[in-house]
Amino acid sequence: METTVARLMREGATGGGQTSWGPTGFAFVASAAEAQRISERVLSDAEAAGVEIVIVEGLAHGARIDAIYALMA
């Protein structure tokens, strides 16, 4: 995973990292088109390392928290 994230950064991602337990890495790019371009350049090496690349879009707003009340016996 570390190698794939580093490669995404070399290919132009503006930031990246890995979750603390390691099963998930991430990289930031400016657009969906840039994500596609960078992932295509890295894909064969990532697959050879057993890493799946998925392009997703972040939420454009803050989190929503709803209060949930339950009766405890």
PDB file of N, CA and C in Angstrom:
ATOM      1  N   MET A   1       0.814  -1.185   0.000  1.00  0.00           N
ATOM      2  CA  MET A   1       0.000   0.000   0.000  1.00  0.00           C
ATOM      3  C   MET A   1       0.863   1.257   0.000  1.00  0.00           C
ATOM      4  N   GLU A   2       1.879   1.286   0.825  1.00  0.00           N
ATOM      5  CA  GLU A   2       2.749   2.461   0.919  1.00  0.00           C
ATOM      6  C   GLU A   2       3.362   2.803  -0.436  1.00  0.00           C
ATOM      7  N   THR A   3       3.802   1.795  -1.167  1.00  0.00           N
ATOM      8  CA  THR A   3       4.414   2.003  -2.477  1.00  0.00           C
ATOM      9  C   THR A   3       3.412   2.595  -3.465  1.00  0.00           C
ATOM     10  N   THR A   4       2.184   2.124  -3.433  1.00  0.00           N
ATOM     11  CA  THR A   4       1.157   2.631  -4.340  1.00  0.00           C
ATOM     12  C   THR A   4       0.832   4.086  -4.032  1.00  0.00           C
ATOM     13  N   VAL A   5       0.675   4.439  -2.764  1.00  0.00           N
ATOM     14  CA  VAL A   5       0.387   5.824  -2.395  1.00  0.00           C
ATOM     15  C   VAL A   5       1.551   6.726  -2.808  1.00  0.00           C
ATOM     16  N   ALA A   6       2.764   6.279  -2.583  1.00  0.00           N
ATOM     17  CA  ALA A   6       3.939   7.068  -2.987  1.00  0.00           C
ATOM     18  C   ALA A   6       3.952   7.278  -4.498  1.00  0.00           C
ATOM     19  N   ARG A   7       3.603   6.259  -5.245  1.00  0.00           N
ATOM     20  CA  ARG A   7       3.565   6.387  -6.707  1.00  0.00           C
ATOM     21  C   ARG A   7       2.474   7.353  -7.143  1.00  0.00           C
ATOM     22  N   LEU A   8       1.307   7.299  -6.525  1.00  0.00           N
ATOM     23  CA  LEU A   8       0.248   8.257  -6.829  1.00  0.00           C
ATOM     24  C   LEU A   8       0.722   9.683  -6.589  1.00  0.00           C
ATOM     25  N   MET A   9       1.479   9.888  -5.530  1.00  0.00           N
ATOM     26  CA  MET A   9       2.037  11.215  -5.232  1.00  0.00           C
ATOM     27  C   MET A   9       3.035  11.641  -6.314  1.00  0.00           C
ATOM     28  N   ARG A  10       3.888  10.739  -6.730  1.00  0.00           N
ATOM     29  CA  ARG A  10       4.859  11.071  -7.789  1.00  0.00           C
ATOM     30  C   ARG A  10       4.165  11.402  -9.104  1.00  0.00           C
ATOM     31  N   GLU A  11       3.007  10.800  -9.328  1.00  0.00           N
ATOM     32  CA  GLU A  11       2.270  11.030 -10.576  1.00  0.00           C
ATOM     33  C   GLU A  11       1.439  12.312 -10.538  1.00  0.00           C
ATOM     34  N   GLY A  12       1.372  12.977  -9.378  1.00  0.00           N
ATOM     35  CA  GLY A  12       0.706  14.269  -9.330  1.00  0.00           C
ATOM     36  C   GLY A  12      -0.355  14.470  -8.275  1.00  0.00           C
ATOM     37  N   ALA A  13      -0.641  13.474  -7.448  1.00  0.00           N
ATOM     38  CA  ALA A  13      -1.607  13.678  -6.369  1.00  0.00           C
ATOM     39  C   ALA A  13      -1.072  14.756  -5.428  1.00  0.00           C
ATOM     40  N   THR A  14      -1.962  15.579  -4.891  1.00  0.00           N
ATOM     41  CA  THR A  14      -1.535  16.684  -4.034  1.00  0.00           C
ATOM     42  C   THR A  14      -1.361  16.289  -2.574  1.00  0.00           C
ATOM     43  N   GLY A  15      -1.784  15.123  -2.215  1.00  0.00           N
ATOM     44  CA  GLY A  15      -1.629  14.624  -0.855  1.00  0.00           C
ATOM     45  C   GLY A  15      -2.019  13.163  -0.816  1.00  0.00           C
ATOM     46  N   GLY A  16      -1.589  12.466   0.208  1.00  0.00           N
ATOM     47  CA  GLY A  16      -1.930  11.056   0.315  1.00  0.00           C
ATOM     48  C   GLY A  16      -1.496  10.494   1.640  1.00  0.00           C
ATOM     49  N   GLY A  17      -1.934   9.286   1.943  1.00  0.00           N
ATOM     50  CA  GLY A  17      -1.565   8.642   3.186  1.00  0.00           C
ATOM     51  C   GLY A  17      -2.173   7.262   3.292  1.00  0.00           C
ATOM     52  N   GLN A  18      -2.128   6.729   4.498  1.00  0.00           N
ATOM     53  CA  GLN A  18      -2.606   5.374   4.751  1.00  0.00           C
ATOM     54  C   GLN A  18      -3.280   5.362   6.108  1.00  0.00           C
ATOM     55  N   THR A  19      -4.387   4.627   6.235  1.00  0.00           N
ATOM     56  CA  THR A  19      -5.054   4.541   7.531  1.00  0.00           C
ATOM     57  C   THR A  19      -4.113   3.896   8.542  1.00  0.00           C
ATOM     58  N   SER A  20      -4.372   4.141   9.815  1.00  0.00           N
ATOM     59  CA  SER A  20      -3.451   3.681  10.857  1.00  0.00           C
ATOM     60  C   SER A  20      -3.269   2.172  10.883  1.00  0.00           C
ATOM     61  N   TRP A  21      -4.283   1.406  10.469  1.00  0.00           N
ATOM     62  CA  TRP A  21      -4.153  -0.044  10.465  1.00  0.00           C
ATOM     63  C   TRP A  21      -3.796  -0.577   9.092  1.00  0.00           C
ATOM     64  N   GLY A  22      -3.667   0.298   8.115  1.00  0.00           N
ATOM     65  CA  GLY A  22      -3.091  -0.086   6.837  1.00  0.00           C
ATOM     66  C   GLY A  22      -3.958  -0.684   5.753  1.00  0.00           C
ATOM     67  N   PRO A  23      -5.212  -1.016   5.973  1.00  0.00           N
ATOM     68  CA  PRO A  23      -5.919  -1.644   4.858  1.00  0.00           C
ATOM     69  C   PRO A  23      -6.364  -0.651   3.785  1.00  0.00           C
ATOM     70  N   THR A  24      -6.336   0.637   4.096  1.00  0.00           N
ATOM     71  CA  THR A  24      -6.827   1.639   3.160  1.00  0.00           C
ATOM     72  C   THR A  24      -5.817   2.764   3.005  1.00  0.00           C
ATOM     73  N   GLY A  25      -5.553   3.105   1.766  1.00  0.00           N
ATOM     74  CA  GLY A  25      -4.722   4.265   1.471  1.00  0.00           C
ATOM     75  C   GLY A  25      -5.576   5.281   0.753  1.00  0.00           C
ATOM     76  N   PHE A  26      -5.058   6.497   0.604  1.00  0.00           N
ATOM     77  CA  PHE A  26      -5.820   7.532  -0.084  1.00  0.00           C
ATOM     78  C   PHE A  26      -4.868   8.538  -0.714  1.00  0.00           C
ATOM     79  N   ALA A  27      -5.379   9.219  -1.722  1.00  0.00           N
ATOM     80  CA  ALA A  27      -4.639  10.293  -2.374  1.00  0.00           C
ATOM     81  C   ALA A  27      -5.641  11.339  -2.817  1.00  0.00           C
ATOM     82  N   PHE A  28      -5.233  12.595  -2.799  1.00  0.00           N
ATOM     83  CA  PHE A  28      -6.103  13.700  -3.181  1.00  0.00           C
ATOM     84  C   PHE A  28      -5.669  14.273  -4.521  1.00  0.00           C
ATOM     85  N   VAL A  29      -6.654  14.572  -5.351  1.00  0.00           N
ATOM     86  CA  VAL A  29      -6.404  15.209  -6.643  1.00  0.00           C
ATOM     87  C   VAL A  29      -7.460  16.295  -6.852  1.00  0.00           C
ATOM     88  N   ALA A  30      -7.237  17.151  -7.844  1.00  0.00           N
ATOM     89  CA  ALA A  30      -8.109  18.302  -8.065  1.00  0.00           C
ATOM     90  C   ALA A  30      -9.419  17.973  -8.781  1.00  0.00           C
ATOM     91  N   SER A  31      -9.455  16.887  -9.536  1.00  0.00           N
ATOM     92  CA  SER A  31     -10.657  16.608 -10.332  1.00  0.00           C
ATOM     93  C   SER A  31     -10.793  15.119 -10.615  1.00  0.00           C
ATOM     94  N   ALA A  32     -11.971  14.740 -11.075  1.00  0.00           N
ATOM     95  CA  ALA A  32     -12.204  13.346 -11.465  1.00  0.00           C
ATOM     96  C   ALA A  32     -11.322  12.970 -12.650  1.00  0.00           C
ATOM     97  N   ALA A  33     -11.126  13.894 -13.571  1.00  0.00           N
ATOM     98  CA  ALA A  33     -10.269  13.621 -14.735  1.00  0.00           C
ATOM     99  C   ALA A  33      -8.826  13.371 -14.306  1.00  0.00           C
ATOM    100  N   GLU A  34      -8.346  14.144 -13.356  1.00  0.00           N
ATOM    101  CA  GLU A  34      -6.980  13.951 -12.838  1.00  0.00           C
ATOM    102  C   GLU A  34      -6.876  12.617 -12.104  1.00  0.00           C
ATOM    103  N   ALA A  35      -7.886  12.248 -11.349  1.00  0.00           N
ATOM    104  CA  ALA A  35      -7.899  10.955 -10.661  1.00  0.00           C
ATOM    105  C   ALA A  35      -7.815   9.820 -11.663  1.00  0.00           C
ATOM    106  N   GLN A  36      -8.572   9.917 -12.735  1.00  0.00           N
ATOM    107  CA  GLN A  36      -8.561   8.891 -13.770  1.00  0.00           C
ATOM    108  C   GLN A  36      -7.186   8.790 -14.423  1.00  0.00           C
ATOM    109  N   ARG A  37      -6.605   9.931 -14.770  1.00  0.00           N
ATOM    110  CA  ARG A  37      -5.292   9.947 -15.422  1.00  0.00           C
ATOM    111  C   ARG A  37      -4.218   9.323 -14.536  1.00  0.00           C
ATOM    112  N   ILE A  38      -4.181   9.734 -13.277  1.00  0.00           N
ATOM    113  CA  ILE A  38      -3.163   9.225 -12.357  1.00  0.00           C
ATOM    114  C   ILE A  38      -3.376   7.736 -12.081  1.00  0.00           C
ATOM    115  N   SER A  39      -4.613   7.327 -11.836  1.00  0.00           N
ATOM    116  CA  SER A  39      -4.855   5.918 -11.512  1.00  0.00           C
ATOM    117  C   SER A  39      -4.514   5.008 -12.683  1.00  0.00           C
ATOM    118  N   GLU A  40      -4.762   5.448 -13.901  1.00  0.00           N
ATOM    119  CA  GLU A  40      -4.407   4.628 -15.071  1.00  0.00           C
ATOM    120  C   GLU A  40      -2.897   4.413 -15.165  1.00  0.00           C
ATOM    121  N   ARG A  41      -2.116   5.405 -14.777  1.00  0.00           N
ATOM    122  CA  ARG A  41      -0.656   5.283 -14.831  1.00  0.00           C
ATOM    123  C   ARG A  41      -0.117   4.325 -13.769  1.00  0.00           C
ATOM    124  N   VAL A  42      -0.853   4.172 -12.670  1.00  0.00           N
ATOM    125  CA  VAL A  42      -0.395   3.380 -11.519  1.00  0.00           C
ATOM    126  C   VAL A  42      -1.037   1.997 -11.468  1.00  0.00           C
ATOM    127  N   LEU A  43      -2.128   1.815 -12.183  1.00  0.00           N
ATOM    128  CA  LEU A  43      -2.981   0.639 -12.036  1.00  0.00           C
ATOM    129  C   LEU A  43      -2.258  -0.701 -12.167  1.00  0.00           C
ATOM    130  N   SER A  44      -1.438  -0.896 -13.173  1.00  0.00           N
ATOM    131  CA  SER A  44      -0.827  -2.221 -13.359  1.00  0.00           C
ATOM    132  C   SER A  44       0.101  -2.576 -12.195  1.00  0.00           C
ATOM    133  N   ASP A  45       0.885  -1.614 -11.712  1.00  0.00           N
ATOM    134  CA  ASP A  45       1.752  -1.885 -10.558  1.00  0.00           C
ATOM    135  C   ASP A  45       0.937  -2.138  -9.297  1.00  0.00           C
ATOM    136  N   ALA A  46      -0.155  -1.384  -9.120  1.00  0.00           N
ATOM    137  CA  ALA A  46      -1.011  -1.570  -7.952  1.00  0.00           C
ATOM    138  C   ALA A  46      -1.636  -2.962  -7.960  1.00  0.00           C
ATOM    139  N   GLU A  47      -2.169  -3.372  -9.096  1.00  0.00           N
ATOM    140  CA  GLU A  47      -2.782  -4.706  -9.191  1.00  0.00           C
ATOM    141  C   GLU A  47      -1.766  -5.800  -8.930  1.00  0.00           C
ATOM    142  N   ALA A  48      -0.548  -5.635  -9.430  1.00  0.00           N
ATOM    143  CA  ALA A  48       0.505  -6.631  -9.199  1.00  0.00           C
ATOM    144  C   ALA A  48       0.820  -6.759  -7.709  1.00  0.00           C
ATOM    145  N   ALA A  49       0.633  -5.653  -6.962  1.00  0.00           N
ATOM    146  CA  ALA A  49       0.885  -5.660  -5.518  1.00  0.00           C
ATOM    147  C   ALA A  49      -0.355  -6.057  -4.725  1.00  0.00           C
ATOM    148  N   GLY A  50      -1.459  -6.368  -5.418  1.00  0.00           N
ATOM    149  CA  GLY A  50      -2.684  -6.752  -4.739  1.00  0.00           C
ATOM    150  C   GLY A  50      -3.473  -5.576  -4.192  1.00  0.00           C
ATOM    151  N   VAL A  51      -3.243  -4.383  -4.754  1.00  0.00           N
ATOM    152  CA  VAL A  51      -3.917  -3.174  -4.289  1.00  0.00           C
ATOM    153  C   VAL A  51      -4.999  -2.786  -5.295  1.00  0.00           C
ATOM    154  N   GLU A  52      -6.207  -2.545  -4.814  1.00  0.00           N
ATOM    155  CA  GLU A  52      -7.310  -2.100  -5.653  1.00  0.00           C
ATOM    156  C   GLU A  52      -7.403  -0.579  -5.585  1.00  0.00           C
ATOM    157  N   ILE A  53      -7.547   0.061  -6.722  1.00  0.00           N
ATOM    158  CA  ILE A  53      -7.712   1.513  -6.767  1.00  0.00           C
ATOM    159  C   ILE A  53      -9.169   1.818  -7.088  1.00  0.00           C
ATOM    160  N   VAL A  54      -9.777   2.640  -6.250  1.00  0.00           N
ATOM    161  CA  VAL A  54     -11.164   3.049  -6.428  1.00  0.00           C
ATOM    162  C   VAL A  54     -11.206   4.571  -6.380  1.00  0.00           C
ATOM    163  N   ILE A  55     -11.843   5.186  -7.355  1.00  0.00           N
ATOM    164  CA  ILE A  55     -11.971   6.639  -7.381  1.00  0.00           C
ATOM    165  C   ILE A  55     -13.307   7.010  -6.743  1.00  0.00           C
ATOM    166  N   VAL A  56     -13.246   7.860  -5.732  1.00  0.00           N
ATOM    167  CA  VAL A  56     -14.452   8.317  -5.040  1.00  0.00           C
ATOM    168  C   VAL A  56     -14.385   9.837  -4.880  1.00  0.00           C
ATOM    169  N   GLU A  57     -15.529  10.428  -4.599  1.00  0.00           N
ATOM    170  CA  GLU A  57     -15.600  11.872  -4.388  1.00  0.00           C
ATOM    171  C   GLU A  57     -15.983  12.141  -2.947  1.00  0.00           C
ATOM    172  N   GLY A  58     -15.307  13.082  -2.326  1.00  0.00           N
ATOM    173  CA  GLY A  58     -15.613  13.436  -0.949  1.00  0.00           C
ATOM    174  C   GLY A  58     -16.893  14.241  -0.844  1.00  0.00           C
ATOM    175  N   LEU A  59     -17.458  14.310   0.350  1.00  0.00           N
ATOM    176  CA  LEU A  59     -18.638  15.135   0.586  1.00  0.00           C
ATOM    177  C   LEU A  59     -18.255  16.611   0.517  1.00  0.00           C
ATOM    178  N   ALA A  60     -19.119  17.412  -0.027  1.00  0.00           N
ATOM    179  CA  ALA A  60     -18.851  18.842  -0.146  1.00  0.00           C
ATOM    180  C   ALA A  60     -19.501  19.622   0.997  1.00  0.00           C
ATOM    181  N   HIS A  61     -19.740  18.951   2.125  1.00  0.00           N
ATOM    182  CA  HIS A  61     -20.344  19.613   3.282  1.00  0.00           C
ATOM    183  C   HIS A  61     -19.897  18.889   4.548  1.00  0.00           C
ATOM    184  N   GLY A  62     -20.114  19.519   5.654  1.00  0.00           N
ATOM    185  CA  GLY A  62     -19.737  18.933   6.929  1.00  0.00           C
ATOM    186  C   GLY A  62     -20.612  17.751   7.316  1.00  0.00           C
ATOM    187  N   ALA A  63     -20.224  17.096   8.367  1.00  0.00           N
ATOM    188  CA  ALA A  63     -20.971  15.938   8.852  1.00  0.00           C
ATOM    189  C   ALA A  63     -22.305  16.366   9.447  1.00  0.00           C
ATOM    190  N   ARG A  64     -23.259  15.474   9.408  1.00  0.00           N
ATOM    191  CA  ARG A  64     -24.563  15.690  10.040  1.00  0.00           C
ATOM    192  C   ARG A  64     -24.680  14.700  11.188  1.00  0.00           C
ATOM    193  N   ILE A  65     -24.999  15.213  12.349  1.00  0.00           N
ATOM    194  CA  ILE A  65     -25.131  14.354  13.530  1.00  0.00           C
ATOM    195  C   ILE A  65     -26.565  14.467  14.048  1.00  0.00           C
ATOM    196  N   ASP A  66     -27.228  13.336  14.152  1.00  0.00           N
ATOM    197  CA  ASP A  66     -28.580  13.281  14.693  1.00  0.00           C
ATOM    198  C   ASP A  66     -28.528  12.618  16.067  1.00  0.00           C
ATOM    199  N   ALA A  67     -29.291  13.170  16.999  1.00  0.00           N
ATOM    200  CA  ALA A  67     -29.371  12.567  18.332  1.00  0.00           C
ATOM    201  C   ALA A  67     -30.308  11.371  18.281  1.00  0.00           C
ATOM    202  N   ILE A  68     -29.889  10.266  18.856  1.00  0.00           N
ATOM    203  CA  ILE A  68     -30.702   9.064  18.920  1.00  0.00           C
ATOM    204  C   ILE A  68     -30.814   8.683  20.395  1.00  0.00           C
ATOM    205  N   TYR A  69     -32.041   8.560  20.850  1.00  0.00           N
ATOM    206  CA  TYR A  69     -32.280   8.223  22.250  1.00  0.00           C
ATOM    207  C   TYR A  69     -32.835   6.812  22.350  1.00  0.00           C
ATOM    208  N   ALA A  70     -32.375   6.064  23.298  1.00  0.00           N
ATOM    209  CA  ALA A  70     -32.880   4.715  23.511  1.00  0.00           C
ATOM    210  C   ALA A  70     -33.100   4.511  25.007  1.00  0.00           C
ATOM    211  N   LEU A  71     -34.127   3.750  25.335  1.00  0.00           N
ATOM    212  CA  LEU A  71     -34.371   3.398  26.726  1.00  0.00           C
ATOM    213  C   LEU A  71     -33.477   2.205  27.080  1.00  0.00           C
ATOM    214  N   MET A  72     -32.776   2.327  28.142  1.00  0.00           N
ATOM    215  CA  MET A  72     -31.907   1.242  28.596  1.00  0.00           C
ATOM    216  C   MET A  72     -32.570   0.565  29.775  1.00  0.00           C
ATOM    217  N   ALA A  73     -32.704  -0.753  29.769  1.00  0.00           N
ATOM    218  CA  ALA A  73     -33.352  -1.493  30.858  1.00  0.00           C
ATOM    219  C   ALA A  73     -32.392  -1.671  31.997  1.00  0.00           C
TER     220      ALA A  73
END
